[in-house]
Amino acid sequence: MSFSFLLTALWAAAQKIPTTLVLAVAPFLIGALVGLPLALARFFRVPVLRRVLNVGVNIIKGVPVALMLMVFYVLCSSFFDPVMQQLHLPFAFRDFNKALIAIAALSVYAAAALSEVFRGALAAVRKGQYDASYAAGLSNAQALRRVILPQALPASLPMACNIFIALIKAAAMASLISVIDVMNAAVNAAGGNYRYLEAYIAAALVYWGLCIAAERLFRLAERKVLLA
């Protein structure tokens, strides 16, 4: 074990923390914006749409993230150049930022996962809250905005935290499509001396730090919401 190289690999991995955070935060935010309407449509049993969404979410949940990344990459590489040529735009796939492909693929995963989280949070609100809202003369939209969501969203924070941590770890798979993140940077640092054990330990330390920080931030947000 070389502690000096461990520090070198740790520094190389730490430099890619912003990339990993972008690959986790952006899909999480996109997934939340898309996942909430999906959850509402499924929870309130919107005709036809509910069945389609149920099938789609179950399919996405059954596909490994690595496979989803590769499918998105292959689709983009196959259609990007022909589309650009048809539009007479001077862009080529080789110049395309591959991180955007990773964000798109992870956003699909996050939307499906967070829709399940939000659906469970909506189900956790007691039925009496719905009845009381309607009895007070609130419309469906008003009841949802003023009564149901303020109770459901705080309840979803612990599970949402788990999804965010899963996205931090899933960002390591972006190396499959040539995106250099924490994991890939640490491994690349070991390319010259084959000290991969130290590289893996360094990457693990960075991921542990990120996950601990994320968990504490979500706990702080949960406390603030509950005290509000």
Protein backbone atom coordinates (compact mmCIF):
# COMPACT_ATOMS: atom_id res chain seq x y z
CA MET A 1 0.00 0.00 0.00
CA SER A 2 1.45 3.35 -1.07
CA PHE A 3 -0.07 6.17 0.98
CA SER A 4 1.66 8.78 -1.15
CA PHE A 5 -0.04 7.45 -4.27
CA LEU A 6 -3.30 7.13 -2.34
CA LEU A 7 -3.14 10.89 -1.80
CA THR A 8 -2.34 11.40 -5.49
CA ALA A 9 -5.32 9.31 -6.56
CA LEU A 10 -7.48 11.04 -3.97
CA TRP A 11 -6.57 14.44 -5.40
CA ALA A 12 -7.24 13.24 -8.97
CA ALA A 13 -10.65 11.89 -7.91
CA ALA A 14 -11.53 15.03 -5.93
CA GLN A 15 -10.95 17.19 -9.00
CA LYS A 16 -13.84 15.41 -10.72
CA ILE A 17 -16.32 15.92 -7.88
CA PRO A 18 -18.06 18.74 -9.84
CA THR A 19 -18.63 16.36 -12.76
CA THR A 20 -20.11 13.70 -10.49
CA LEU A 21 -22.33 16.26 -8.77
CA VAL A 22 -23.62 17.54 -12.12
CA LEU A 23 -24.38 13.94 -13.16
CA ALA A 24 -26.35 13.48 -9.93
CA VAL A 25 -27.99 16.86 -9.29
CA ALA A 26 -29.23 17.55 -12.84
CA PRO A 27 -30.97 14.15 -13.26
CA PHE A 28 -32.40 14.45 -9.74
CA LEU A 29 -33.96 17.84 -10.45
CA ILE A 30 -35.24 16.77 -13.88
CA GLY A 31 -36.51 13.52 -12.40
CA ALA A 32 -38.36 15.39 -9.65
CA LEU A 33 -40.01 17.76 -12.13
CA VAL A 34 -41.12 14.86 -14.33
CA GLY A 35 -41.71 12.31 -11.58
CA LEU A 36 -44.24 14.38 -9.61
CA PRO A 37 -46.74 14.72 -12.51
CA LEU A 38 -46.26 11.02 -13.26
CA ALA A 39 -47.00 10.17 -9.64
CA LEU A 40 -50.10 12.36 -9.62
CA ALA A 41 -51.42 10.77 -12.81
CA ARG A 42 -50.88 7.30 -11.40
CA PHE A 43 -52.18 8.06 -7.90
CA PHE A 44 -55.39 9.71 -9.10
CA ARG A 45 -55.91 6.97 -11.68
CA VAL A 46 -56.09 9.11 -14.81
CA PRO A 47 -57.83 6.90 -17.41
CA VAL A 48 -55.56 5.24 -20.00
CA LEU A 49 -52.58 7.39 -18.98
CA ARG A 50 -52.26 5.53 -15.68
CA ARG A 51 -51.91 2.16 -17.42
CA VAL A 52 -49.36 3.50 -19.89
CA LEU A 53 -47.32 5.07 -17.09
CA ASN A 54 -47.47 1.94 -14.96
CA VAL A 55 -46.05 -0.12 -17.82
CA GLY A 56 -43.40 2.49 -18.63
CA VAL A 57 -42.21 2.88 -15.04
CA ASN A 58 -42.03 -0.88 -14.53
CA ILE A 59 -39.99 -1.26 -17.71
CA ILE A 60 -37.55 1.48 -16.68
CA LYS A 61 -37.17 0.01 -13.18
CA GLY A 62 -36.26 -3.34 -14.73
CA VAL A 63 -33.48 -1.94 -16.96
CA PRO A 64 -29.98 -1.61 -15.46
CA VAL A 65 -28.58 1.92 -15.49
CA ALA A 66 -25.51 0.78 -17.42
CA LEU A 67 -27.71 -0.68 -20.17
CA MET A 68 -29.77 2.52 -20.29
CA LEU A 69 -26.60 4.57 -20.73
CA MET A 70 -25.41 2.39 -23.59
CA VAL A 71 -28.81 2.49 -25.33
CA PHE A 72 -28.89 6.30 -25.14
CA TYR A 73 -25.30 6.47 -26.40
CA VAL A 74 -25.96 4.16 -29.36
CA LEU A 75 -29.15 6.03 -30.30
CA CYS A 76 -27.38 9.39 -30.17
CA SER A 77 -24.38 8.16 -32.12
CA SER A 78 -26.66 6.67 -34.79
CA PHE A 79 -28.99 9.62 -35.32
CA PHE A 80 -27.05 12.73 -34.30
CA ASP A 81 -24.97 13.24 -37.46
CA PRO A 82 -27.81 12.51 -39.95
CA VAL A 83 -30.14 14.90 -38.10
CA MET A 84 -27.51 17.63 -38.05
CA GLN A 85 -26.92 17.16 -41.78
CA GLN A 86 -30.64 17.40 -42.49
CA LEU A 87 -30.81 20.62 -40.48
CA HIS A 88 -27.62 21.92 -42.15
CA LEU A 89 -25.99 22.52 -38.78
CA PRO A 90 -22.19 22.33 -38.39
CA PHE A 91 -22.22 19.88 -35.47
CA ALA A 92 -20.86 16.34 -35.31
CA PHE A 93 -21.35 13.64 -32.73
CA ARG A 94 -17.62 13.50 -32.00
CA ASP A 95 -17.86 17.08 -30.71
CA PHE A 96 -20.99 16.42 -28.65
CA ASN A 97 -20.65 16.59 -24.86
CA LYS A 98 -21.17 12.97 -23.77
CA ALA A 99 -22.10 14.12 -20.26
CA LEU A 100 -25.43 15.29 -21.70
CA ILE A 101 -26.16 11.71 -22.78
CA ALA A 102 -25.44 10.50 -19.26
CA ILE A 103 -27.68 13.22 -17.79
CA ALA A 104 -30.51 12.23 -20.14
CA ALA A 105 -30.24 8.52 -19.30
CA LEU A 106 -29.97 9.12 -15.56
CA SER A 107 -32.90 11.55 -15.72
CA VAL A 108 -35.12 8.80 -17.11
CA TYR A 109 -34.06 6.52 -14.26
CA ALA A 110 -34.60 9.29 -11.69
CA ALA A 111 -38.05 10.19 -13.05
CA ALA A 112 -39.25 6.59 -12.72
CA ALA A 113 -37.74 6.14 -9.26
CA LEU A 114 -38.97 9.47 -7.89
CA SER A 115 -42.46 8.91 -9.30
CA GLU A 116 -42.65 5.82 -7.09
CA VAL A 117 -41.39 7.84 -4.11
CA PHE A 118 -43.96 10.60 -4.64
CA ARG A 119 -46.76 8.09 -5.20
CA GLY A 120 -45.95 6.45 -1.90
CA ALA A 121 -45.86 9.84 -0.17
CA LEU A 122 -49.29 10.73 -1.59
CA ALA A 123 -50.66 7.43 -0.36
CA ALA A 124 -49.27 8.17 3.10
CA VAL A 125 -51.53 11.22 3.48
CA ARG A 126 -54.63 10.18 5.39
CA LYS A 127 -57.86 9.97 3.43
CA GLY A 128 -59.48 12.31 5.94
CA GLN A 129 -57.23 15.11 4.69
CA TYR A 130 -58.69 14.76 1.21
CA ASP A 131 -62.25 14.63 2.56
CA ALA A 132 -61.68 17.67 4.79
CA SER A 133 -60.26 19.65 1.86
CA TYR A 134 -63.26 18.93 -0.34
CA ALA A 135 -65.65 19.64 2.53
CA ALA A 136 -64.01 23.06 2.95
CA GLY A 137 -64.91 23.85 -0.64
CA LEU A 138 -61.45 23.44 -2.16
CA SER A 139 -61.13 22.25 -5.72
CA ASN A 140 -58.92 19.30 -6.58
CA ALA A 141 -56.06 21.61 -7.60
CA GLN A 142 -56.43 23.77 -4.49
CA ALA A 143 -56.59 20.77 -2.18
CA LEU A 144 -53.50 19.35 -3.83
CA ARG A 145 -51.53 22.59 -3.61
CA ARG A 146 -52.59 23.75 -0.15
CA VAL A 147 -53.14 20.53 1.80
CA ILE A 148 -51.91 17.33 0.17
CA LEU A 149 -48.52 18.26 -1.30
CA PRO A 150 -47.36 20.18 1.82
CA GLN A 151 -47.83 16.94 3.74
CA ALA A 152 -46.70 14.47 1.08
CA LEU A 153 -43.47 16.12 -0.09
CA PRO A 154 -41.79 16.27 3.36
CA ALA A 155 -42.64 12.59 3.81
CA SER A 156 -40.87 11.82 0.54
CA LEU A 157 -37.52 13.37 1.55
CA PRO A 158 -35.92 10.27 3.16
CA MET A 159 -36.59 8.11 0.09
CA ALA A 160 -35.67 10.97 -2.24
CA CYS A 161 -32.33 11.13 -0.43
CA ASN A 162 -31.79 7.44 -1.23
CA ILE A 163 -32.48 8.12 -4.91
CA PHE A 164 -30.01 11.02 -4.92
CA ILE A 165 -27.31 8.86 -3.32
CA ALA A 166 -28.04 6.15 -5.90
CA LEU A 167 -27.53 8.76 -8.64
CA ILE A 168 -24.15 9.76 -7.15
CA LYS A 169 -23.05 6.14 -7.35
CA ALA A 170 -24.65 5.57 -10.76
CA ALA A 171 -22.62 8.50 -12.13
CA ALA A 172 -19.59 6.18 -12.02
CA MET A 173 -21.13 4.25 -14.92
CA ALA A 174 -20.84 7.33 -17.13
CA SER A 175 -17.28 6.20 -17.79
CA LEU A 176 -18.86 3.63 -20.15
CA ILE A 177 -19.55 6.49 -22.57
CA SER A 178 -16.23 8.29 -22.06
CA VAL A 179 -17.30 10.69 -19.30
CA ILE A 180 -14.54 11.10 -16.73
CA ASP A 181 -15.93 11.30 -13.21
CA VAL A 182 -14.55 10.55 -9.74
CA MET A 183 -14.16 6.82 -10.34
CA ASN A 184 -12.62 7.12 -13.78
CA ALA A 185 -10.21 9.86 -12.69
CA ALA A 186 -8.89 7.75 -9.82
CA VAL A 187 -8.43 4.69 -12.05
CA ASN A 188 -6.70 6.75 -14.75
CA ALA A 189 -4.22 7.99 -12.15
CA ALA A 190 -3.18 4.38 -11.57
CA GLY A 191 -2.61 3.68 -15.25
CA GLY A 192 1.14 4.25 -15.07
CA ASN A 193 2.02 2.25 -11.96
CA TYR A 194 -0.87 -0.25 -11.69
CA ARG A 195 -1.68 0.73 -8.10
CA TYR A 196 -5.37 0.16 -8.62
CA LEU A 197 -6.07 -0.77 -4.99
CA GLU A 198 -5.08 2.71 -3.85
CA ALA A 199 -7.11 4.20 -6.71
CA TYR A 200 -10.23 2.27 -5.73
CA ILE A 201 -9.81 3.21 -2.08
CA ALA A 202 -9.40 6.87 -3.04
CA ALA A 203 -12.57 6.78 -5.15
CA ALA A 204 -14.44 5.05 -2.33
CA LEU A 205 -13.38 7.76 0.13
CA VAL A 206 -14.67 10.49 -2.18
CA TYR A 207 -17.98 8.68 -2.74
CA TRP A 208 -18.40 8.10 1.00
CA GLY A 209 -17.82 11.79 1.63
CA LEU A 210 -20.34 12.82 -1.04
CA CYS A 211 -22.98 10.40 0.23
CA ILE A 212 -22.53 11.47 3.86
CA ALA A 213 -22.81 15.14 2.84
CA ALA A 214 -25.95 14.43 0.79
CA GLU A 215 -27.57 12.54 3.66
CA ARG A 216 -26.89 15.36 6.10
CA LEU A 217 -28.25 17.98 3.69
CA PHE A 218 -31.46 16.03 3.24
CA ARG A 219 -31.81 15.55 7.00
CA LEU A 220 -31.35 19.28 7.50
CA ALA A 221 -33.99 19.99 4.84
CA GLU A 222 -36.34 17.49 6.48
CA ARG A 223 -35.96 19.17 9.88
CA LYS A 224 -36.53 22.62 8.41
CA VAL A 225 -39.65 21.46 6.58
CA LEU A 226 -41.06 19.78 9.68
CA LEU A 227 -40.42 22.86 11.82
CA ALA A 228 -41.91 25.26 9.25
